[in-house]
Amino acid sequence: MPHRRLRVVQSTAAPPPARPGLVLLAQVVVLLLAPAAAEARPWQPDVAAARHYAQGRAGEVAFAVIDQRGRFRGYRAADTAPAASVFKVMLLAALLRKRDEHPLQRSDRRLLAPMIRWSDSVAATRVRDMVGPRRIRRLARVAGMRDFRYRSWWGLSRTSPRDQVRFMAHLQRYVPKRHRPYARYLLSHVVRSQRWGVGRVVPRGWKLFLKGGWGSGSGRVDHQVALLKKGRRRVALAIFTEFDPSHAYGKRTLRGVAARLLRGLSTLK
């Protein structure tokens, strides 16, 4: 029997229209995948923009940040400077640790509240005398501080952004459980006149725990340490400046660095 030749005929007819059900299914798949794609690109601090801004400012600027995933990044983060009043967070933790098994006395609160909320340095000196250098150095070791150097005049104790950002990020570890609510209250109720810098750029919905340090308004140093919390998410910052032309200039530098590091944080759910 002779073989028959098969002819392949290419159709020029238009393909059948897509069925509405398949189109709807494709749209649903895209919507379901969108959150996963967003989660694959989580928020991260804009360190490059903050670094570029810092390099254009007068004086010396260093900073460190720990993001919501616990990642550490910074710029000149190991550089040390006089701690000024950011040291008062360490004094707070040291005294609360000393009172580990006891309720705070009224006299303790009369020192700690002004020391943190409006940065009373006389109160800080009294707290320093109560806890002593040994407890302060022990706290620094427990917190894993690599650059901290204690000085008898506490404001001249030297520390770095990397020391302080890690301390703020994990502060609850270094404060006894019974005293944590009080520590959080003080750091979240710093008087409005001292909530400059980071305090001016906190995204809506985030709670701020803050302490600043400044060289008597001279611009010699202007620092801030901060912890931002929203639900279970937390972001910590430590921004140090030295040799600012003025205190006002230093505050603008702190705000500029913080604004760039926190850019886009409001979108983090």
Protein backbone atom coordinates (compact mmCIF):
# COMPACT_ATOMS: atom_id res chain seq x y z
CA MET A 1 0.00 0.00 0.00
CA PRO A 2 1.50 3.34 -0.99
CA HIS A 3 2.37 5.72 1.82
CA ARG A 4 0.18 8.78 2.11
CA ARG A 5 1.89 12.09 2.58
CA LEU A 6 0.67 14.13 5.57
CA ARG A 7 0.30 17.82 5.03
CA VAL A 8 0.73 20.24 7.94
CA VAL A 9 -1.53 23.16 7.47
CA GLN A 10 -0.78 26.29 9.59
CA SER A 11 -3.95 27.98 10.61
CA THR A 12 -4.19 31.74 10.21
CA ALA A 13 -7.30 31.97 12.35
CA ALA A 14 -7.17 34.10 15.53
CA PRO A 15 -6.73 32.13 18.80
CA PRO A 16 -9.86 31.63 20.86
CA PRO A 17 -10.54 34.40 23.34
CA ALA A 18 -9.34 33.81 26.90
CA ARG A 19 -12.05 32.59 29.18
CA PRO A 20 -13.07 35.05 31.89
CA GLY A 21 -12.48 32.44 34.58
CA LEU A 22 -8.84 32.00 33.59
CA VAL A 23 -8.27 35.78 33.51
CA LEU A 24 -9.72 36.11 37.00
CA LEU A 25 -7.56 33.24 38.26
CA ALA A 26 -4.42 34.90 36.89
CA GLN A 27 -5.30 38.16 38.61
CA VAL A 28 -5.83 36.38 41.93
CA VAL A 29 -2.42 34.66 41.62
CA VAL A 30 -0.73 38.02 41.01
CA LEU A 31 -2.41 39.53 44.08
CA LEU A 32 -1.40 36.58 46.23
CA LEU A 33 2.21 36.78 45.10
CA ALA A 34 2.48 40.55 45.63
CA PRO A 35 2.80 40.38 49.46
CA ALA A 36 5.43 37.67 49.12
CA ALA A 37 7.42 39.85 46.73
CA ALA A 38 7.15 42.78 49.13
CA GLU A 39 8.31 40.58 52.03
CA ALA A 40 11.33 39.56 49.95
CA ARG A 41 12.34 43.24 49.88
CA PRO A 42 11.88 44.33 53.52
CA TRP A 43 12.47 47.85 54.70
CA GLN A 44 16.04 48.77 55.41
CA PRO A 45 17.63 52.02 56.62
CA ASP A 46 19.03 54.26 53.90
CA VAL A 47 22.59 54.19 55.21
CA ALA A 48 24.08 55.45 51.93
CA ALA A 49 21.95 58.60 51.97
CA ALA A 50 22.68 59.21 55.66
CA ARG A 51 26.41 58.74 55.10
CA HIS A 52 26.42 61.11 52.13
CA TYR A 53 24.56 63.72 54.17
CA ALA A 54 26.90 63.29 57.16
CA GLN A 55 29.97 63.76 54.98
CA GLY A 56 28.67 67.14 53.87
CA ARG A 57 28.12 68.47 57.40
CA ALA A 58 30.55 70.52 59.46
CA GLY A 59 32.10 68.80 62.45
CA GLU A 60 32.39 65.04 62.88
CA VAL A 61 29.45 62.68 62.50
CA ALA A 62 29.16 58.97 63.26
CA PHE A 63 26.12 56.74 63.50
CA ALA A 64 24.89 53.18 63.88
CA VAL A 65 21.51 51.57 63.26
CA ILE A 66 19.98 48.17 63.98
CA ASP A 67 16.97 47.42 61.82
CA GLN A 68 13.83 45.37 62.48
CA ARG A 69 15.64 42.16 61.50
CA GLY A 70 18.49 42.81 63.92
CA ARG A 71 21.01 43.79 61.25
CA PHE A 72 23.71 46.26 62.29
CA ARG A 73 25.00 48.94 59.93
CA GLY A 74 26.81 52.19 60.50
CA TYR A 75 29.23 54.91 59.50
CA ARG A 76 32.36 55.44 61.60
CA ALA A 77 30.41 53.47 64.19
CA ALA A 78 33.46 52.56 66.30
CA ASP A 79 34.62 56.18 66.67
CA THR A 80 34.41 57.32 70.28
CA ALA A 81 33.36 60.65 71.73
CA PRO A 82 32.52 62.03 75.18
CA ALA A 83 29.20 60.45 76.10
CA ALA A 84 27.65 63.58 77.61
CA SER A 85 24.08 62.92 78.73
CA VAL A 86 23.47 59.74 76.70
CA PHE A 87 25.47 58.19 79.55
CA LYS A 88 22.39 58.72 81.73
CA VAL A 89 20.68 55.71 80.16
CA MET A 90 23.51 53.58 81.55
CA LEU A 91 23.10 55.25 84.94
CA LEU A 92 19.37 54.47 84.82
CA ALA A 93 20.01 50.81 84.05
CA ALA A 94 22.76 50.56 86.70
CA LEU A 95 20.53 51.85 89.49
CA LEU A 96 17.58 49.69 88.41
CA ARG A 97 19.89 46.66 88.46
CA LYS A 98 21.01 47.60 91.96
CA ARG A 99 17.34 47.60 93.00
CA ASP A 100 16.76 44.25 91.26
CA GLU A 101 14.97 42.51 94.12
CA HIS A 102 13.38 45.56 95.69
CA PRO A 103 10.79 48.15 94.68
CA LEU A 104 12.09 51.57 93.79
CA GLN A 105 12.16 54.00 96.66
CA ARG A 106 10.56 57.41 96.36
CA SER A 107 14.02 58.94 96.63
CA ASP A 108 15.13 56.86 93.62
CA ARG A 109 12.28 58.17 91.50
CA ARG A 110 13.04 61.73 92.55
CA LEU A 111 16.47 61.31 90.98
CA LEU A 112 15.72 59.14 87.96
CA ALA A 113 12.75 61.11 86.62
CA PRO A 114 14.58 64.47 86.32
CA MET A 115 17.78 62.75 85.18
CA ILE A 116 16.08 61.18 82.17
CA ARG A 117 13.06 63.36 81.44
CA TRP A 118 14.78 66.75 81.52
CA SER A 119 18.42 65.66 81.75
CA ASP A 120 19.21 66.94 85.23
CA SER A 121 22.97 66.53 85.65
CA VAL A 122 22.98 67.10 89.42
CA ALA A 123 20.64 64.12 89.74
CA ALA A 124 22.91 62.13 87.43
CA THR A 125 25.93 62.80 89.63
CA ARG A 126 24.03 61.59 92.68
CA VAL A 127 22.99 58.42 90.84
CA ARG A 128 26.61 57.91 89.76
CA ASP A 129 27.68 58.13 93.40
CA MET A 130 24.98 55.63 94.41
CA VAL A 131 25.95 52.95 91.88
CA GLY A 132 29.70 53.56 91.73
CA PRO A 133 32.23 52.89 88.96
CA ARG A 134 32.30 49.12 89.53
CA ARG A 135 28.62 48.67 88.68
CA ILE A 136 28.92 50.94 85.66
CA ARG A 137 31.89 49.03 84.27
CA ARG A 138 30.13 45.73 84.95
CA LEU A 139 27.09 46.91 83.02
CA ALA A 140 29.31 47.86 80.09
CA ARG A 141 30.84 44.37 80.10
CA VAL A 142 27.46 42.63 80.35
CA ALA A 143 26.18 44.75 77.44
CA GLY A 144 29.22 43.80 75.33
CA MET A 145 30.46 47.37 74.93
CA ARG A 146 33.81 47.32 73.15
CA ASP A 147 34.67 51.01 73.14
CA PHE A 148 33.38 52.27 76.50
CA ARG A 149 35.85 53.97 78.84
CA TYR A 150 34.59 55.26 82.17
CA ARG A 151 35.71 58.64 83.52
CA SER A 152 35.06 59.98 87.01
CA TRP A 153 33.39 63.01 85.47
CA TRP A 154 30.71 60.87 83.87
CA GLY A 155 30.01 63.17 80.91
CA LEU A 156 33.58 62.65 79.69
CA SER A 157 33.27 58.85 79.64
CA ARG A 158 33.94 57.79 76.09
CA THR A 159 31.73 55.52 74.04
CA SER A 160 30.79 54.84 70.43
CA PRO A 161 27.63 54.61 68.33
CA ARG A 162 28.07 50.85 67.99
CA ASP A 163 28.20 50.45 71.78
CA GLN A 164 25.14 52.56 72.37
CA VAL A 165 22.94 51.31 69.54
CA ARG A 166 23.32 47.74 70.76
CA PHE A 167 22.65 48.85 74.32
CA MET A 168 19.43 50.61 73.29
CA ALA A 169 18.29 47.78 71.01
CA HIS A 170 18.52 45.26 73.88
CA LEU A 171 17.95 47.56 76.86
CA GLN A 172 15.30 45.29 78.38
CA ARG A 173 17.96 42.60 78.84
CA TYR A 174 19.91 44.87 81.16
CA VAL A 175 16.99 46.12 83.25
CA PRO A 176 15.26 43.86 85.80
CA LYS A 177 11.81 42.78 84.65
CA ARG A 178 10.01 44.48 87.54
CA HIS A 179 11.57 47.84 86.62
CA ARG A 180 11.20 47.71 82.82
CA PRO A 181 7.86 49.56 82.66
CA TYR A 182 9.33 52.46 84.63
CA ALA A 183 12.42 52.63 82.40
CA ARG A 184 10.19 52.64 79.30
CA TYR A 185 8.01 55.35 80.79
CA LEU A 186 10.95 57.67 81.48
CA LEU A 187 12.56 57.24 78.06
CA SER A 188 9.24 57.78 76.28
CA HIS A 189 8.40 60.91 78.28
CA VAL A 190 11.44 63.10 77.72
CA VAL A 191 10.26 66.71 77.82
CA ARG A 192 9.18 68.13 74.48
CA SER A 193 11.94 70.75 74.40
CA GLN A 194 14.52 67.93 74.26
CA ARG A 195 12.77 65.81 71.63
CA TRP A 196 14.67 67.37 68.75
CA GLY A 197 16.62 65.50 66.07
CA VAL A 198 15.22 61.97 65.92
CA GLY A 199 12.16 63.18 67.82
CA ARG A 200 11.11 65.32 64.85
CA VAL A 201 11.10 62.54 62.25
CA VAL A 202 9.52 59.53 63.98
CA PRO A 203 6.98 57.92 61.60
CA ARG A 204 3.36 57.81 62.72
CA GLY A 205 2.49 54.70 64.67
CA TRP A 206 5.99 54.18 66.08
CA LYS A 207 6.74 54.78 69.76
CA LEU A 208 9.97 56.57 70.60
CA PHE A 209 12.31 55.95 73.54
CA LEU A 210 14.94 58.65 73.47
CA LYS A 211 17.86 60.30 75.23
CA GLY A 212 20.01 63.15 74.00
CA GLY A 213 23.36 64.51 75.07
CA TRP A 214 24.86 67.91 74.37
CA GLY A 215 27.84 69.94 75.52
CA SER A 216 26.01 72.64 77.47
CA GLY A 217 24.63 74.02 74.23
CA SER A 218 28.10 74.77 72.85
CA GLY A 219 28.07 72.35 69.90
CA ARG A 220 31.06 70.48 71.35
CA VAL A 221 28.96 67.32 71.24
CA ASP A 222 25.38 66.66 70.18
CA HIS A 223 24.30 63.03 70.44
CA GLN A 224 21.12 61.00 70.47
CA VAL A 225 20.31 57.37 71.22
CA ALA A 226 16.87 56.05 70.40
CA LEU A 227 14.70 52.97 70.18
CA LEU A 228 11.59 52.94 67.99
CA LYS A 229 8.93 50.28 68.54
CA LYS A 230 5.80 49.27 66.69
CA GLY A 231 4.24 46.05 67.89
CA ARG A 232 7.04 43.51 67.98
CA ARG A 233 9.20 45.45 65.54
CA ARG A 234 12.00 47.65 66.78
CA VAL A 235 14.66 49.87 65.24
CA ALA A 236 17.55 51.38 67.23
CA LEU A 237 19.70 54.42 66.39
CA ALA A 238 22.77 56.08 67.86
CA ILE A 239 23.96 59.30 66.23
CA PHE A 240 27.04 61.12 67.53
CA THR A 241 28.33 64.52 66.45
CA GLU A 242 31.34 66.52 67.63
CA PHE A 243 32.64 70.04 67.00
CA ASP A 244 29.39 71.41 65.60
CA PRO A 245 29.39 75.15 64.85
CA SER A 246 26.50 75.47 67.32
CA HIS A 247 23.99 73.39 69.24
CA ALA A 248 21.29 74.39 66.74
CA TYR A 249 23.49 73.18 63.89
CA GLY A 250 24.10 69.88 65.70
CA LYS A 251 20.38 69.34 66.19
CA ARG A 252 19.82 69.87 62.45
CA THR A 253 22.53 67.31 61.72
CA LEU A 254 20.89 64.77 64.02
CA ARG A 255 17.55 65.33 62.36
CA GLY A 256 19.01 65.06 58.85
CA VAL A 257 20.82 61.79 59.58
CA ALA A 258 17.79 60.29 61.33
CA ALA A 259 15.39 61.33 58.56
CA ARG A 260 17.49 59.52 55.97
CA LEU A 261 18.02 56.40 58.07
CA LEU A 262 14.29 56.13 58.80
CA ARG A 263 13.11 56.99 55.29
CA GLY A 264 10.28 54.66 54.27
CA LEU A 265 9.86 53.19 57.76
CA SER A 266 6.21 54.30 57.80
CA THR A 267 5.47 51.65 55.15
CA LEU A 268 6.68 48.85 57.42
CA LYS A 269 3.58 47.13 58.79
